[in-house]
Amino acid sequence: MQKVKDILQTILTLAIIAGITTVLYLYTSGYRLQKNTDKVIDLTKTGMINAKSTPDSAGVYLDGKLVTATNNAISGVEPGAHSLKISKRGFVEWKKDIEVFPELVTDITAILISQSPRLDPLTNTGARNPSVSHSLGKLAYFSEDLTDPGIYVIPLSGINVNLFRSNPNLALKDTRVTKYSQGKSLEWSPDETELLLEGTNSIFYLVDLEKNTAQTTASPEELRKTWKNTILQKRLASMERLEVSADIKKLATSEEAYWSPDGMKFLLTTPYLDKIRYKVYNMEKPLPVGEKTENLVMEVASTELQPKFSWYPDSFHFVVTEGNVMEDHKGVVSLIRIDGTNKTEIYSNTLFSDQAFSTKDGDKAVILTSFKSGSQTDLYTIGIR
């Protein structure tokens, strides 16, 4: 009799363990007990949301209810469309309609913009026509500094990028014969060791940033062609690994394609009726949950002045500049996601360049402006967060 009791107790224990294990497995797999419309309890597949923000510790609201703080996962979410809001005191609210899928995790990262951005000088000896490197790690510009006029390169990486901590490098100093500081434009080589400088009277120079020397070049178009081919070969190799379709490959290798820092996305402008469409194509494999292969960032009437885009380091946002900056010397700088959502104004005032950039860490935007009438223009950083 005792032996039978022991056997039954063992079976019961194993059954309880098996039951608990099954429940835990189903729970972690996203299954939940829910009432249907007939008030019958069903075992339903659910999804998860992994909500992150920069900066973190922000409140996460799902369908209007506070559910957690970033950076935490929200489990047991019913599949389908949901509204998500991420809010932190002192920052602009972030909102987005998202899709949740059964047994999958939807990753969301919100870039929160400060309600009161701080401006800090990045230069104080004058700056003109800034040009950012391909990696977003360096910025080249002209300066007619009274002591050392010429071309400068300033790093955009590091936690504290400002006048007192950054170290602009004089890449090429003016000579008695050649005033490099009065040049028109600067273009970066693919490896970021050279600059193509368009000087006065349409004379072009190839600047060696490692040797701090320059030599004239009579064939800037050939040099551009060589640089473009180098970049194209890298892109083709990248697309081969990603197994990109022939149609996307054709778009991605066009001269108009503007590639993201991670090499997985590109921006392309296309005419549509009486508008210009700005689209981002995402070539990530596998595609992140909730993301699309093709995204419409914005569309602008073809008769209007078109915005200027600069990639943000996370490759999911742009720093966009709007307005007739070159004539009015005023414009608006915003941060916008690649799907056109959460367009947030960063700066609206005097500008002397229609391009704004992000530091490589993404914590600041860089603009060219002046706060004195008729004064020299300088580079300033705007604290995004």
Protein backbone atom coordinates (compact mmCIF):
# COMPACT_ATOMS: atom_id res chain seq x y z
CA MET A 1 0.00 0.00 0.00
CA GLN A 2 2.81 2.41 0.90
CA LYS A 3 4.54 1.60 -2.36
CA VAL A 4 1.40 2.55 -4.33
CA LYS A 5 1.18 5.86 -2.44
CA ASP A 6 4.82 6.62 -3.22
CA ILE A 7 4.26 5.88 -6.90
CA LEU A 8 1.17 8.10 -7.02
CA GLN A 9 3.01 10.90 -5.21
CA THR A 10 5.88 10.64 -7.69
CA ILE A 11 3.48 10.76 -10.65
CA LEU A 12 1.68 13.76 -9.15
CA THR A 13 4.98 15.58 -8.55
CA LEU A 14 6.12 14.91 -12.12
CA ALA A 15 2.75 16.07 -13.44
CA ILE A 16 2.99 19.34 -11.46
CA ILE A 17 6.55 19.94 -12.67
CA ALA A 18 5.50 19.20 -16.27
CA GLY A 19 2.52 21.52 -15.89
CA ILE A 20 4.59 24.36 -14.47
CA THR A 21 7.24 23.86 -17.18
CA THR A 22 4.56 23.94 -19.89
CA VAL A 23 2.97 27.09 -18.44
CA LEU A 24 6.36 28.82 -18.22
CA TYR A 25 7.22 27.79 -21.77
CA LEU A 26 3.90 29.06 -23.13
CA TYR A 27 4.25 32.30 -21.14
CA THR A 28 7.76 33.01 -22.34
CA SER A 29 6.66 32.13 -25.88
CA GLY A 30 4.06 34.87 -25.72
CA TYR A 31 0.89 32.92 -24.96
CA ARG A 32 -1.70 34.48 -22.64
CA LEU A 33 -5.14 33.54 -21.29
CA GLN A 34 -7.64 36.07 -22.59
CA LYS A 35 -11.42 36.37 -22.83
CA ASN A 36 -12.90 36.50 -26.31
CA THR A 37 -16.10 38.31 -27.33
CA ASP A 38 -18.19 35.42 -26.00
CA LYS A 39 -16.46 35.70 -22.62
CA VAL A 40 -14.74 32.36 -23.20
CA ILE A 41 -11.16 32.11 -21.98
CA ASP A 42 -8.77 31.20 -24.80
CA LEU A 43 -5.03 30.61 -24.97
CA THR A 44 -3.88 33.44 -27.25
CA LYS A 45 -0.56 34.18 -28.90
CA THR A 46 0.81 37.62 -28.00
CA GLY A 47 3.82 39.74 -28.88
CA MET A 48 6.36 41.92 -27.08
CA ILE A 49 7.63 45.48 -27.34
CA ASN A 50 11.20 46.30 -26.39
CA ALA A 51 11.01 50.05 -25.72
CA LYS A 52 14.29 51.96 -25.48
CA SER A 53 15.07 55.65 -25.45
CA THR A 54 18.00 58.03 -25.53
CA PRO A 55 18.22 59.29 -22.84
CA ASP A 56 16.70 56.39 -20.91
CA SER A 57 14.36 56.22 -17.88
CA ALA A 58 11.43 57.69 -19.81
CA GLY A 59 7.81 56.71 -19.27
CA VAL A 60 6.31 54.28 -21.79
CA TYR A 61 2.60 54.64 -22.56
CA LEU A 62 0.86 51.90 -24.52
CA ASP A 63 -2.55 52.85 -25.90
CA GLY A 64 -2.66 55.76 -23.45
CA LYS A 65 -1.71 53.79 -20.32
CA LEU A 66 1.62 54.04 -18.49
CA VAL A 67 3.03 50.51 -18.53
CA THR A 68 6.76 50.73 -17.82
CA ALA A 69 9.90 52.83 -18.22
CA THR A 70 12.58 52.55 -20.86
CA ASN A 71 14.63 50.39 -21.26
CA ASN A 72 12.28 47.48 -20.51
CA ALA A 73 10.29 44.93 -22.45
CA ILE A 74 6.48 44.95 -22.49
CA SER A 75 5.21 41.37 -22.71
CA GLY A 76 1.78 39.93 -23.41
CA VAL A 77 0.81 42.59 -25.96
CA GLU A 78 -2.14 41.68 -28.17
CA PRO A 79 -1.09 41.46 -31.84
CA GLY A 80 -2.19 44.33 -34.05
CA ALA A 81 -1.92 48.11 -34.19
CA HIS A 82 -1.06 50.06 -31.04
CA SER A 83 -0.16 53.64 -30.16
CA LEU A 84 3.09 54.11 -28.27
CA LYS A 85 4.18 57.24 -26.44
CA ILE A 86 7.52 57.78 -24.72
CA SER A 87 7.71 60.77 -22.41
CA LYS A 88 10.42 62.27 -20.20
CA ARG A 89 10.33 65.55 -18.34
CA GLY A 90 12.24 68.28 -20.15
CA PHE A 91 12.06 66.49 -23.52
CA VAL A 92 9.68 66.56 -26.48
CA GLU A 93 7.19 63.67 -26.39
CA TRP A 94 7.81 60.82 -28.81
CA LYS A 95 4.79 59.14 -30.44
CA LYS A 96 4.39 56.37 -32.97
CA ASP A 97 1.73 53.94 -34.18
CA ILE A 98 3.30 50.48 -34.21
CA GLU A 99 2.39 46.95 -35.26
CA VAL A 100 2.82 44.05 -32.83
CA PHE A 101 3.17 40.52 -34.19
CA PRO A 102 2.50 37.13 -32.47
CA GLU A 103 5.56 35.57 -30.79
CA LEU A 104 7.81 38.39 -32.05
CA VAL A 105 9.56 41.31 -30.35
CA THR A 106 9.08 44.78 -31.84
CA ASP A 107 12.15 46.90 -31.04
CA ILE A 108 11.58 50.63 -30.63
CA THR A 109 14.27 53.23 -29.93
CA ALA A 110 13.12 56.80 -29.34
CA ILE A 111 15.56 59.71 -29.74
CA LEU A 112 14.26 62.32 -27.30
CA ILE A 113 14.95 65.98 -28.07
CA SER A 114 15.51 68.47 -25.27
CA GLN A 115 12.82 71.14 -24.82
CA SER A 116 15.56 73.74 -24.31
CA PRO A 117 18.56 72.87 -26.52
CA ARG A 118 21.87 74.41 -25.52
CA LEU A 119 24.11 76.15 -28.07
CA ASP A 120 27.89 75.99 -27.71
CA PRO A 121 30.56 77.43 -30.04
CA LEU A 122 32.59 74.85 -31.90
CA THR A 123 34.85 77.44 -33.57
CA ASN A 124 35.62 81.10 -32.86
CA THR A 125 38.02 82.05 -35.66
CA GLY A 126 35.48 81.89 -38.49
CA ALA A 127 34.15 79.02 -40.60
CA ARG A 128 32.65 78.67 -44.07
CA ASN A 129 31.24 75.90 -46.28
CA PRO A 130 31.52 72.96 -43.85
CA SER A 131 31.71 69.44 -45.32
CA VAL A 132 31.21 66.27 -43.25
CA SER A 133 33.18 63.08 -43.88
CA HIS A 134 31.50 59.82 -44.99
CA SER A 135 31.79 58.31 -41.50
CA LEU A 136 30.36 61.47 -39.86
CA GLY A 137 33.53 61.56 -37.76
CA LYS A 138 35.17 64.71 -39.19
CA LEU A 139 34.17 68.13 -40.46
CA ALA A 140 36.28 70.19 -42.87
CA TYR A 141 35.77 73.93 -43.36
CA PHE A 142 37.39 77.14 -44.58
CA SER A 143 38.60 79.73 -42.09
CA GLU A 144 40.02 83.18 -42.80
CA ASP A 145 41.53 83.31 -39.33
CA LEU A 146 43.80 86.36 -39.00
CA THR A 147 46.68 84.26 -37.66
CA ASP A 148 46.40 80.95 -39.52
CA PRO A 149 43.96 81.17 -42.44
CA GLY A 150 43.35 78.01 -44.43
CA ILE A 151 41.44 74.72 -44.29
CA TYR A 152 40.66 73.14 -40.95
CA VAL A 153 39.45 69.67 -39.96
CA ILE A 154 37.64 69.19 -36.67
CA PRO A 155 36.69 65.83 -35.06
CA LEU A 156 33.00 65.17 -34.40
CA SER A 157 33.48 62.23 -32.07
CA GLY A 158 33.78 62.12 -28.31
CA ILE A 159 31.37 62.91 -25.48
CA ASN A 160 32.20 66.61 -25.25
CA VAL A 161 32.47 68.30 -28.63
CA ASN A 162 32.82 72.06 -28.19
CA LEU A 163 35.24 74.93 -28.51
CA PHE A 164 37.12 74.12 -25.32
CA ARG A 165 37.56 70.37 -25.84
CA SER A 166 37.72 69.91 -29.63
CA ASN A 167 41.01 70.35 -31.38
CA PRO A 168 40.67 71.76 -34.92
CA ASN A 169 43.59 70.74 -37.09
CA LEU A 170 45.02 73.21 -39.61
CA ALA A 171 45.12 70.92 -42.63
CA LEU A 172 46.34 73.47 -45.15
CA LYS A 173 47.57 77.00 -44.47
CA ASP A 174 47.28 79.88 -46.92
CA THR A 175 50.44 80.93 -48.71
CA ARG A 176 51.39 84.33 -50.10
CA VAL A 177 50.36 83.07 -53.52
CA THR A 178 47.36 80.80 -52.81
CA LYS A 179 44.47 81.71 -50.53
CA TYR A 180 43.01 78.28 -49.83
CA SER A 181 40.73 79.82 -47.18
CA GLN A 182 38.78 81.60 -49.93
CA GLY A 183 37.82 78.34 -51.63
CA LYS A 184 34.31 77.40 -52.75
CA SER A 185 33.85 73.75 -51.74
CA LEU A 186 35.43 70.70 -50.12
CA GLU A 187 34.82 67.02 -50.97
CA TRP A 188 36.04 64.02 -48.97
CA SER A 189 37.82 61.00 -50.41
CA PRO A 190 36.33 57.56 -49.57
CA ASP A 191 39.13 56.81 -47.05
CA GLU A 192 38.93 60.34 -45.59
CA THR A 193 42.65 61.00 -46.05
CA GLU A 194 42.21 63.54 -48.87
CA LEU A 195 40.05 66.50 -49.81
CA LEU A 196 39.17 67.85 -53.24
CA LEU A 197 39.23 71.63 -52.93
CA GLU A 198 37.63 73.96 -55.43
CA GLY A 199 39.49 77.22 -55.13
CA THR A 200 39.02 80.62 -56.70
CA ASN A 201 38.98 80.92 -60.51
CA SER A 202 37.80 77.26 -60.73
CA ILE A 203 41.23 75.90 -59.82
CA PHE A 204 41.09 72.50 -58.08
CA TYR A 205 43.52 71.13 -55.51
CA LEU A 206 44.00 67.67 -54.02
CA VAL A 207 44.72 68.10 -50.32
CA ASP A 208 46.69 65.39 -48.51
CA LEU A 209 45.48 65.48 -44.91
CA GLU A 210 48.30 63.26 -43.64
CA LYS A 211 51.09 65.38 -45.15
CA ASN A 212 49.24 68.73 -44.99
CA THR A 213 50.11 69.48 -48.59
CA ALA A 214 48.15 70.30 -51.74
CA GLN A 215 48.73 70.00 -55.45
CA THR A 216 46.66 71.30 -58.35
CA THR A 217 44.67 68.83 -60.40
CA ALA A 218 43.53 69.47 -63.96
CA SER A 219 41.08 66.56 -63.92
CA PRO A 220 38.75 66.85 -60.90
CA GLU A 221 36.06 64.90 -62.75
CA GLU A 222 38.40 61.93 -63.21
CA LEU A 223 39.25 62.05 -59.51
CA ARG A 224 35.56 62.17 -58.59
CA LYS A 225 34.94 59.25 -60.95
CA THR A 226 37.69 57.22 -59.26
CA TRP A 227 36.32 57.99 -55.80
CA LYS A 228 32.76 57.14 -56.88
CA ASN A 229 33.96 53.84 -58.34
CA THR A 230 35.74 52.96 -55.08
CA ILE A 231 32.55 53.64 -53.14
CA LEU A 232 30.47 51.74 -55.72
CA GLN A 233 32.65 48.62 -55.41
CA LYS A 234 32.21 48.63 -51.62
CA ARG A 235 28.46 49.00 -52.02
CA LEU A 236 28.25 46.17 -54.56
CA ALA A 237 30.20 43.89 -52.22
CA SER A 238 27.87 44.82 -49.38
CA MET A 239 24.77 44.14 -51.48
CA GLU A 240 26.13 40.76 -52.58
CA ARG A 241 26.32 39.72 -48.92
CA LEU A 242 22.80 41.00 -48.33
CA GLU A 243 21.42 39.25 -51.43
CA VAL A 244 19.68 42.41 -52.65
CA SER A 245 17.24 42.15 -55.55
CA ALA A 246 18.23 43.49 -58.98
CA ASP A 247 15.67 46.35 -58.77
CA ILE A 248 16.93 47.60 -55.40
CA LYS A 249 20.54 47.17 -56.51
CA LYS A 250 19.88 49.42 -59.51
CA LEU A 251 18.44 52.13 -57.27
CA ALA A 252 21.18 51.75 -54.66
CA THR A 253 24.00 52.16 -57.19
CA SER A 254 22.58 55.30 -58.80
CA GLU A 255 24.53 58.53 -58.26
CA GLU A 256 21.55 60.04 -56.43
CA ALA A 257 21.50 57.33 -53.73
CA TYR A 258 22.62 58.70 -50.34
CA TRP A 259 23.78 55.81 -48.18
CA SER A 260 23.44 55.50 -44.42
CA PRO A 261 26.41 55.14 -42.04
CA ASP A 262 25.61 51.44 -41.42
CA GLY A 263 25.64 50.70 -45.17
CA MET A 264 22.20 49.06 -44.96
CA LYS A 265 19.94 51.88 -46.15
CA PHE A 266 19.88 54.63 -48.73
CA LEU A 267 17.85 57.77 -49.41
CA LEU A 268 16.57 58.44 -52.92
CA THR A 269 14.51 61.30 -54.35
CA THR A 270 11.89 60.49 -56.99
CA PRO A 271 9.41 62.74 -58.84
CA TYR A 272 5.74 61.89 -58.26
CA LEU A 273 3.09 63.95 -60.05
CA ASP A 274 3.82 67.55 -58.97
CA LYS A 275 5.90 66.53 -55.95
CA ILE A 276 9.33 65.25 -55.03
CA ARG A 277 9.31 62.16 -52.82
CA TYR A 278 12.10 61.33 -50.39
CA LYS A 279 12.24 57.58 -49.82
CA VAL A 280 14.48 55.35 -47.75
CA TYR A 281 15.11 51.75 -48.81
CA ASN A 282 16.11 49.35 -46.04
CA MET A 283 18.23 46.38 -47.17
CA GLU A 284 18.70 44.77 -43.73
CA LYS A 285 18.41 40.98 -43.70
CA PRO A 286 16.45 39.95 -41.74
CA LEU A 287 14.38 43.11 -41.65
CA PRO A 288 13.78 44.25 -38.03
CA VAL A 289 10.27 43.48 -36.77
CA GLY A 290 7.91 46.32 -37.64
CA GLU A 291 10.28 47.93 -40.17
CA LYS A 292 9.56 48.25 -43.90
CA THR A 293 11.75 47.80 -46.94
CA GLU A 294 10.48 51.05 -48.43
CA ASN A 295 9.75 54.17 -46.34
CA LEU A 296 8.40 57.57 -47.31
CA VAL A 297 10.25 60.21 -45.31
CA MET A 298 8.45 63.20 -46.79
CA GLU A 299 7.19 64.69 -50.03
CA VAL A 300 7.55 68.31 -51.11
CA ALA A 301 5.95 70.20 -54.00
CA SER A 302 8.40 70.31 -56.89
CA THR A 303 7.94 74.10 -57.13
CA GLU A 304 9.12 74.59 -53.54
CA LEU A 305 12.66 74.77 -52.21
CA GLN A 306 13.79 71.24 -51.38
CA PRO A 307 15.13 70.23 -47.94
CA LYS A 308 18.68 69.04 -47.30
CA PHE A 309 19.28 65.74 -45.52
CA SER A 310 22.19 64.49 -43.42
CA TRP A 311 22.20 61.02 -41.87
CA TYR A 312 22.02 60.64 -38.10
CA PRO A 313 24.55 58.08 -36.71
CA ASP A 314 21.92 55.43 -35.84
CA SER A 315 20.95 55.16 -39.54
CA PHE A 316 17.27 55.42 -38.57
CA HIS A 317 17.02 59.23 -38.49
CA PHE A 318 17.98 62.31 -40.51
CA VAL A 319 19.04 65.81 -39.59
CA VAL A 320 17.03 67.83 -42.11
CA THR A 321 17.34 71.53 -42.97
CA GLU A 322 14.46 73.49 -44.50
CA GLY A 323 14.09 77.06 -45.69
CA ASN A 324 15.73 79.41 -48.18
CA VAL A 325 18.92 79.52 -46.13
CA MET A 326 21.29 80.79 -48.81
CA GLU A 327 19.18 83.91 -49.50
CA ASP A 328 17.33 84.58 -46.26
CA HIS A 329 20.05 83.24 -43.91
CA LYS A 330 17.29 81.61 -41.88
CA GLY A 331 16.06 78.07 -41.65
CA VAL A 332 14.72 75.23 -39.54
CA VAL A 333 16.74 72.19 -38.47
CA SER A 334 14.81 69.07 -37.41
CA LEU A 335 15.34 65.44 -36.57
CA ILE A 336 13.08 63.00 -38.42
CA ARG A 337 12.79 59.21 -38.51
CA ILE A 338 13.26 57.36 -41.81
CA ASP A 339 9.54 56.54 -41.91
CA GLY A 340 8.59 60.22 -41.65
CA THR A 341 7.43 60.03 -38.02
CA ASN A 342 8.49 62.12 -35.03
CA LYS A 343 9.76 65.11 -36.91
CA THR A 344 11.08 67.30 -34.09
CA GLU A 345 12.44 70.82 -34.46
CA ILE A 346 15.95 71.30 -33.08
CA TYR A 347 16.70 74.86 -34.17
CA SER A 348 14.87 77.69 -35.95
CA ASN A 349 16.83 80.88 -36.52
CA THR A 350 19.82 82.30 -38.37
CA LEU A 351 21.73 79.88 -40.62
CA PHE A 352 24.53 80.38 -43.11
CA SER A 353 24.67 76.82 -44.47
CA ASP A 354 21.78 74.75 -45.77
CA GLN A 355 23.39 71.63 -44.31
CA ALA A 356 23.34 70.68 -40.64
CA PHE A 357 25.14 67.64 -39.27
CA SER A 358 25.16 65.37 -36.25
CA THR A 359 28.16 64.58 -34.11
CA LYS A 360 29.18 60.94 -34.38
CA ASP A 361 27.77 60.20 -30.91
CA GLY A 362 24.42 61.69 -31.90
CA ASP A 363 24.14 63.95 -28.86
CA LYS A 364 24.58 67.22 -30.77
CA ALA A 365 23.74 68.82 -34.09
CA VAL A 366 26.25 71.12 -35.81
CA ILE A 367 25.18 74.29 -37.63
CA LEU A 368 26.88 77.27 -39.26
CA THR A 369 25.53 80.57 -37.95
CA SER A 370 26.34 84.01 -36.56
CA PHE A 371 24.68 85.95 -33.74
CA LYS A 372 26.04 89.35 -34.74
CA SER A 373 24.99 91.39 -37.76
CA GLY A 374 27.72 91.45 -40.38
CA SER A 375 29.99 89.35 -38.19
CA GLN A 376 31.95 86.24 -39.12
CA THR A 377 30.14 82.90 -39.23
CA ASP A 378 31.15 80.05 -36.94
CA LEU A 379 30.21 76.45 -36.24
CA TYR A 380 27.98 75.84 -33.23
CA THR A 381 26.71 72.67 -31.59
CA ILE A 382 23.11 72.25 -30.42
CA GLY A 383 22.57 69.83 -27.56
CA ILE A 384 19.95 67.37 -28.78
CA ARG A 385 19.76 65.66 -25.40
